[in-house]
Structure formats: C-alpha cells, structure tokens
Amino acid sequence: MAFGYLNNSLLLGGLMQAADYNEVIRFYSNISAFHYQNYKKVGDLITASDWQDLSNHIQALRNQNYTIPWVPTGFVKDGLIRASSWSNAIYREISNPGDYIFQAPNEAHGIQLEWLMAGGGSGGGGDETGYGASGGGGGSGGYQQNVSFPLFGGETITIHIGGGGAPTPKYEMQGGSGADSYMLINNEEKLRVTGGVGGQNALAMNYSGTNPIGGSGGSPNGVSGGDGAKANNNDRMGGAGANTPLGTGGQPTWADIGENAIGYGAGGGGGCTRDRQQPGYWIGGSGASGYALFTLTN
C-alpha cells in the first residue's frame, strides 16, 4: 500500500489500515497547533471523508503561517517519521506581542531564527508651553538575523515578541520604550534583543534649553530616532521615528497626534508644536511591535 498527495487529493493503492491513518495524525501532532485527535481503532472503516477531514486540519496549519511537509508519497506503515522524508523545513512567522510556545517535532535537530526583532520606542510629545518645542522620534528595536541553535525533538521553544512603545503624558521625560524580544529553549534563554527607547517629551526638556532628542536604538542593530527642535515661538515638526529593515518609522507631521510606526520594530514619530495653537500638547506616535521568523530543520 502507498499513498501521497497530488494537488491536495489522495492517491490510494490498496487498503488503508488504522495504524497507517493514526501514524499520520501522530506525525503532525508533533506540531503544537495541530489538535486533531480522531484516532481509529482496528477494524474501523476509514472513508474518503475521514481522510479529507484530516487533510483539512493539516491545511489549517498552513493558514496559521506554518509551512509544513505533506505526507511523503510512497509512505508505508512505520516509515513515515524519517529524516529523509522531511523534505521541507517547518517555518513559523509571529508578529503579535506575547509568548508563543512550541514543542519541537521528533525529527528536529536545529532552529534558525531568520529574524528576531524587538519593539520600537514611541515618539516624544511636542509642547507649546513657554517657547515651545517638538518631540524626539522613537528609536528602533534591536534585531538579529540568521542565528542558529541545536535542537532536539520534544524540546520546548518559547518565543516572546515585544510590543511597541506607547506615548506618555507630557510631564514624563520621554515616550514609552519598546519591549524586548527573546527566545528560550526548555526555559533557558538563548537570544535576546532589546527594545528601542522612546523620544524625549518636549515639556520635560524645554526648560533645560536643549532640543528634545530622539530615543536610542535597541541592541543590537537598533537606530536612534530623529531629534525634536526648540520652537522659539515658532512652529516645529517632531523628529522622525527610526526605521528597521522590516518597518518604517513615523514621519514628521502637523497632525494633533504623531505618526505611528508601521511594519515591525520601527519607532514612532515625535509630536510637532505650533505656537499659541491648540491642543497645546501633541503626543508622539506609537512604536511598532517586534517580529520573529524561524525555521526548524532536520
């Protein structure tokens, strides 16, 4: 008996046994997001509908940003979980802040972080008080590329994605900093990148007679945001947020709220100031969240 996929349709030759069907389920159950548990007992009838339902659950992994191997053509009982049959790496892309926990499949021997990026800092607020000044731009989050670690089947991988910094009230010194991103294997930290720092708020800095400066970039590879400027009773745009290879910092604008960063890891734009005009305090833009893309290899 042999079977495989062709355009997501099953080709069958001979009789499919419950042990074969269950082995396919066990193969994909090594991926934590696969929750299909419809195992068969010896003697159960396995229909085309059963197989299509299992296929639909496998396809759902791809719809969650997984790239996974199909069941190899020519599979025979007890021969599925072999390194030679794992022709494609397993990829996962994650970008929303929070913790993501995975269990490595049995055949995994390594993990490569193609990207691990921290959150960007927010822009500082501009203020019209006194002579006025605009806010500094947020720094971009640190990042690492193409870093590999050994891995064994069954080990637990935790990836934490740091959120972008949020703007702060005008009496604080600077905008909110982005949060760190990191990876653990079996709860042991293997890699960390730090968040970008928020740009300085204008009101806190204006009385010192200096320009509000942009937030510093995270480590490693982060970039500082652009500086704000003293207004001297004039109008001034805020500093630009710092870019990353995967994100664009908030740009200077005359809007009441600084421009938010877009993409991943970039810094928010600093708020402007307009002499004797409302709202009197122009909050900075938000930083962008971090990002991870990793590959499990056999």
Protein backbone atom coordinates (compact mmCIF):
# COMPACT_ATOMS: atom_id res chain seq x y z
CA MET A 1 0.00 0.00 0.00
CA ALA A 2 1.22 3.50 -0.82
CA PHE A 3 -0.33 6.93 -0.83
CA GLY A 4 0.58 10.57 -1.30
CA TYR A 5 -0.81 13.97 -2.21
CA LEU A 6 -1.37 15.39 -5.67
CA ASN A 7 -2.95 18.85 -5.66
CA ASN A 8 -4.22 18.06 -2.18
CA SER A 9 -6.08 14.94 -3.37
CA LEU A 10 -5.24 11.49 -2.00
CA LEU A 11 -3.97 8.76 -4.32
CA LEU A 12 -4.69 5.32 -2.86
CA GLY A 13 -3.35 1.94 -3.85
CA GLY A 14 -4.55 -0.93 -1.70
CA LEU A 15 -6.25 -0.86 1.69
CA MET A 16 -5.52 1.83 4.30
CA GLN A 17 -5.09 0.46 7.81
CA ALA A 18 -5.99 2.18 11.08
CA ALA A 19 -2.31 2.07 12.13
CA ASP A 20 -1.33 4.00 8.98
CA TYR A 21 -4.03 6.62 9.48
CA ASN A 22 -3.09 7.08 13.13
CA GLU A 23 0.60 7.40 12.24
CA VAL A 24 -0.22 10.38 10.03
CA ILE A 25 -2.04 12.02 12.95
CA ARG A 26 0.91 11.37 15.26
CA PHE A 27 3.31 12.82 12.69
CA TYR A 28 1.52 16.18 12.59
CA SER A 29 0.75 16.13 16.31
CA ASN A 30 4.42 16.98 16.85
CA ILE A 31 3.35 20.50 15.88
CA SER A 32 1.65 22.01 18.91
CA ALA A 33 -1.03 23.83 16.92
CA PHE A 34 -2.33 20.57 15.44
CA HIS A 35 -5.23 19.49 17.62
CA TYR A 36 -6.77 16.68 15.56
CA GLN A 37 -7.26 13.59 17.73
CA ASN A 38 -9.68 11.47 15.70
CA TYR A 39 -7.71 8.22 16.02
CA LYS A 40 -9.12 4.99 14.56
CA LYS A 41 -9.41 1.54 16.11
CA VAL A 42 -8.51 -1.68 14.36
CA GLY A 43 -11.47 -2.65 12.20
CA ASP A 44 -12.85 0.91 11.80
CA LEU A 45 -13.89 1.90 8.30
CA ILE A 46 -11.71 4.74 7.01
CA THR A 47 -13.57 6.67 4.33
CA ALA A 48 -12.56 9.36 1.85
CA SER A 49 -14.47 11.78 4.08
CA ASP A 50 -12.29 10.80 7.05
CA TRP A 51 -9.15 11.45 5.07
CA GLN A 52 -10.43 14.78 3.74
CA ASP A 53 -11.26 15.92 7.28
CA LEU A 54 -7.72 15.06 8.38
CA SER A 55 -6.34 16.85 5.30
CA ASN A 56 -8.37 19.95 6.16
CA HIS A 57 -6.82 20.07 9.64
CA ILE A 58 -3.34 19.78 8.14
CA GLN A 59 -4.12 22.58 5.69
CA ALA A 60 -5.28 24.76 8.59
CA LEU A 61 -1.69 24.80 9.87
CA ARG A 62 -0.62 26.48 6.65
CA ASN A 63 -3.33 29.07 7.19
CA GLN A 64 -1.71 29.89 10.56
CA ASN A 65 1.59 30.81 8.83
CA TYR A 66 3.09 27.35 9.13
CA THR A 67 4.88 25.84 6.16
CA ILE A 68 4.85 22.11 6.79
CA PRO A 69 5.75 18.92 4.93
CA TRP A 70 3.00 16.93 3.29
CA VAL A 71 2.79 13.21 3.92
CA PRO A 72 5.50 11.78 1.63
CA THR A 73 4.49 9.89 -1.48
CA GLY A 74 5.22 6.19 -1.07
CA PHE A 75 4.59 6.14 2.66
CA VAL A 76 4.31 2.71 4.21
CA LYS A 77 3.49 1.80 7.77
CA ASP A 78 6.21 2.63 10.32
CA GLY A 79 8.17 4.51 7.67
CA LEU A 80 6.69 7.99 7.92
CA ILE A 81 8.75 9.72 10.59
CA ARG A 82 12.18 9.64 8.99
CA ALA A 83 14.60 12.48 8.39
CA SER A 84 14.77 11.50 4.75
CA SER A 85 11.02 12.06 4.42
CA TRP A 86 11.17 15.57 5.89
CA SER A 87 11.96 17.35 2.65
CA ASN A 88 10.79 20.82 3.76
CA ALA A 89 11.69 22.86 6.80
CA ILE A 90 8.94 24.00 9.14
CA TYR A 91 8.58 27.77 9.23
CA ARG A 92 6.66 29.94 11.66
CA GLU A 93 6.12 33.68 11.49
CA ILE A 94 4.86 35.59 14.54
CA SER A 95 4.31 39.30 14.98
CA ASN A 96 1.74 39.97 17.70
CA PRO A 97 3.18 40.78 21.15
CA GLY A 98 3.17 37.95 23.66
CA ASP A 99 4.54 34.48 24.36
CA TYR A 100 4.43 31.66 21.80
CA ILE A 101 5.26 28.14 22.96
CA PHE A 102 6.01 25.21 20.64
CA GLN A 103 7.20 21.66 21.03
CA ALA A 104 9.89 20.63 18.57
CA PRO A 105 8.89 17.73 16.30
CA ASN A 106 10.71 14.44 16.75
CA GLU A 107 12.92 14.94 13.70
CA ALA A 108 14.06 18.48 14.61
CA HIS A 109 17.80 18.94 15.05
CA GLY A 110 18.08 22.70 14.83
CA ILE A 111 16.29 26.03 14.91
CA GLN A 112 17.33 29.04 12.86
CA LEU A 113 15.95 32.44 13.79
CA GLU A 114 15.83 34.17 10.45
CA TRP A 115 14.57 37.27 12.27
CA LEU A 116 14.16 38.21 15.91
CA MET A 117 13.23 41.87 16.39
CA ALA A 118 12.23 43.90 19.46
CA GLY A 119 9.57 46.62 19.68
CA GLY A 120 10.28 50.21 18.66
CA GLY A 121 10.03 53.21 21.01
CA SER A 122 7.26 55.79 20.78
CA GLY A 123 7.82 59.36 19.73
CA GLY A 124 8.06 62.11 22.35
CA GLY A 125 5.32 64.71 22.62
CA GLY A 126 5.60 68.28 21.33
CA ASP A 127 4.51 71.14 23.59
CA GLU A 128 3.64 74.81 23.15
CA THR A 129 4.43 75.82 26.75
CA GLY A 130 6.97 78.66 27.00
CA TYR A 131 8.85 78.96 23.74
CA GLY A 132 7.68 75.52 22.69
CA ALA A 133 9.48 72.52 21.26
CA SER A 134 8.71 69.39 19.24
CA GLY A 135 9.28 65.84 20.47
CA GLY A 136 12.07 63.42 19.57
CA GLY A 137 11.39 60.37 17.40
CA GLY A 138 11.38 56.88 18.85
CA GLY A 139 14.37 54.56 18.46
CA SER A 140 14.02 51.31 16.56
CA GLY A 141 14.14 47.91 18.23
CA GLY A 142 17.26 45.78 18.14
CA TYR A 143 17.31 42.73 15.91
CA GLN A 144 19.30 39.64 14.99
CA GLN A 145 19.28 37.69 11.73
CA ASN A 146 20.11 34.09 10.84
CA VAL A 147 21.15 32.85 14.27
CA SER A 148 21.10 29.06 14.72
CA PHE A 149 20.91 26.78 17.76
CA PRO A 150 20.90 22.99 18.12
CA LEU A 151 17.55 21.47 18.97
CA PHE A 152 16.18 18.05 19.82
CA GLY A 153 12.74 16.56 19.30
CA GLY A 154 10.39 17.19 22.20
CA GLU A 155 12.19 20.30 23.49
CA THR A 156 10.05 23.32 24.30
CA ILE A 157 10.63 26.54 22.37
CA THR A 158 9.32 29.82 23.78
CA ILE A 159 9.47 32.97 21.69
CA HIS A 160 8.42 36.26 23.26
CA ILE A 161 7.54 39.15 20.95
CA GLY A 162 7.94 42.60 22.49
CA GLY A 163 5.30 45.26 21.92
CA GLY A 164 5.95 48.75 20.61
CA GLY A 165 6.25 51.69 23.00
CA ALA A 166 3.18 53.81 23.74
CA PRO A 167 3.21 57.63 24.06
CA THR A 168 3.32 59.07 27.57
CA PRO A 169 1.82 62.10 29.38
CA LYS A 170 3.63 65.38 28.79
CA TYR A 171 5.19 65.61 32.26
CA GLU A 172 7.20 62.42 31.75
CA MET A 173 10.72 62.67 30.39
CA GLN A 174 10.23 60.56 27.27
CA GLY A 175 7.88 58.36 25.30
CA GLY A 176 7.40 54.70 26.11
CA SER A 177 10.15 52.28 25.16
CA GLY A 178 9.60 49.15 23.09
CA ALA A 179 9.77 45.79 24.85
CA ASP A 180 12.47 43.17 24.40
CA SER A 181 12.01 40.05 22.29
CA TYR A 182 13.72 36.79 23.23
CA MET A 183 13.85 33.04 22.71
CA LEU A 184 14.04 30.25 25.30
CA ILE A 185 14.71 26.55 24.79
CA ASN A 186 13.46 24.49 27.73
CA ASN A 187 13.13 27.79 29.68
CA GLU A 188 16.81 28.65 29.14
CA GLU A 189 17.33 32.00 27.42
CA LYS A 190 19.25 31.65 24.15
CA LEU A 191 18.82 35.02 22.47
CA ARG A 192 17.50 38.47 23.40
CA VAL A 193 17.17 41.75 21.51
CA THR A 194 16.24 44.94 23.35
CA GLY A 195 13.52 47.47 22.62
CA GLY A 196 14.04 50.94 21.18
CA VAL A 197 13.86 53.88 23.62
CA GLY A 198 11.12 56.49 23.40
CA GLY A 199 11.94 60.01 22.17
CA GLN A 200 12.12 62.83 24.71
CA ASN A 201 8.98 64.78 25.53
CA ALA A 202 9.27 68.49 24.78
CA LEU A 203 7.85 69.91 28.02
CA ALA A 204 10.29 67.95 30.16
CA MET A 205 13.28 69.13 28.12
CA ASN A 206 12.32 72.63 27.00
CA TYR A 207 13.24 74.35 30.24
CA SER A 208 16.76 72.93 30.02
CA GLY A 209 17.35 74.93 26.84
CA THR A 210 18.20 71.83 24.77
CA ASN A 211 16.48 70.18 21.83
CA PRO A 212 14.46 67.07 22.75
CA ILE A 213 16.48 64.18 21.39
CA GLY A 214 15.37 61.02 19.67
CA GLY A 215 15.32 57.75 21.59
CA SER A 216 18.29 55.43 21.21
CA GLY A 217 18.00 52.20 19.26
CA GLY A 218 17.81 48.79 20.87
CA SER A 219 20.69 46.31 20.94
CA PRO A 220 21.99 45.12 18.58
CA ASN A 221 21.47 47.00 15.30
CA GLY A 222 18.85 49.49 16.51
CA VAL A 223 18.92 53.10 15.27
CA SER A 224 18.20 56.34 17.15
CA GLY A 225 15.15 58.43 16.29
CA GLY A 226 15.44 61.96 14.94
CA ASP A 227 15.73 64.93 17.31
CA GLY A 228 12.95 67.40 18.02
CA ALA A 229 13.63 71.14 17.97
CA LYS A 230 13.19 74.21 20.16
CA ALA A 231 10.50 76.38 18.62
CA ASN A 232 11.43 79.89 19.86
CA ASN A 233 7.76 80.85 19.48
CA ASN A 234 7.59 79.27 16.02
CA ASP A 235 6.17 76.03 14.62
CA ARG A 236 8.38 72.95 14.57
CA MET A 237 7.84 69.38 13.36
CA GLY A 238 8.89 66.47 15.55
CA GLY A 239 11.73 64.06 14.94
CA ALA A 240 11.20 61.08 12.66
CA GLY A 241 10.97 57.62 14.15
CA ALA A 242 13.82 55.26 13.29
CA ASN A 243 13.39 52.65 10.55
CA THR A 244 14.21 48.93 10.57
CA PRO A 245 14.71 46.56 7.62
CA LEU A 246 11.09 45.47 8.21
CA GLY A 247 9.45 48.71 9.33
CA THR A 248 9.12 52.43 8.68
CA GLY A 249 9.32 54.98 11.45
CA GLY A 250 6.59 57.56 12.00
CA GLN A 251 7.28 60.63 9.86
CA PRO A 252 7.05 64.33 10.89
CA THR A 253 3.53 65.73 10.57
CA TRP A 254 1.42 68.69 11.67
CA ALA A 255 -1.34 66.39 12.91
CA ASP A 256 -2.55 66.52 16.52
CA ILE A 257 -1.04 63.07 17.10
CA GLY A 258 2.42 61.97 15.94
CA GLU A 259 2.53 59.39 13.18
CA ASN A 260 2.66 55.74 14.28
CA ALA A 261 5.37 53.42 13.02
CA ILE A 262 4.35 50.75 10.53
CA GLY A 263 5.73 47.26 9.98
CA TYR A 264 7.96 45.79 12.68
CA GLY A 265 10.35 47.30 15.23
CA ALA A 266 10.29 50.89 13.96
CA GLY A 267 9.97 53.99 16.16
CA GLY A 268 7.02 56.36 16.41
CA GLY A 269 7.24 59.93 15.15
CA GLY A 270 7.69 62.85 17.54
CA GLY A 271 4.81 65.28 18.08
CA CYS A 272 5.01 68.73 16.49
CA THR A 273 4.48 72.11 18.16
CA ARG A 274 2.51 75.09 16.81
CA ASP A 275 2.89 78.42 18.51
CA ARG A 276 -0.16 79.54 20.54
CA GLN A 277 -2.36 76.88 19.00
CA GLN A 278 -4.39 74.01 20.38
CA PRO A 279 -4.23 71.29 21.61
CA GLY A 280 -1.08 72.70 23.22
CA TYR A 281 0.46 69.24 23.61
CA TRP A 282 0.94 66.99 20.58
CA ILE A 283 1.53 63.40 21.68
CA GLY A 284 4.03 61.22 19.88
CA GLY A 285 3.26 58.26 17.65
CA SER A 286 3.41 54.65 18.83
CA GLY A 287 6.30 52.31 18.09
CA ALA A 288 5.80 49.12 16.10
CA SER A 289 5.83 45.68 17.73
CA GLY A 290 8.61 43.13 17.30
CA TYR A 291 8.73 40.17 14.98
CA ALA A 292 10.09 36.63 14.62
CA LEU A 293 10.52 34.21 11.74
CA PHE A 294 12.14 30.88 12.49
CA THR A 295 12.86 27.61 10.75
CA LEU A 296 13.01 24.15 12.28
CA THR A 297 15.41 21.90 10.40
CA ASN A 298 16.15 18.20 10.49
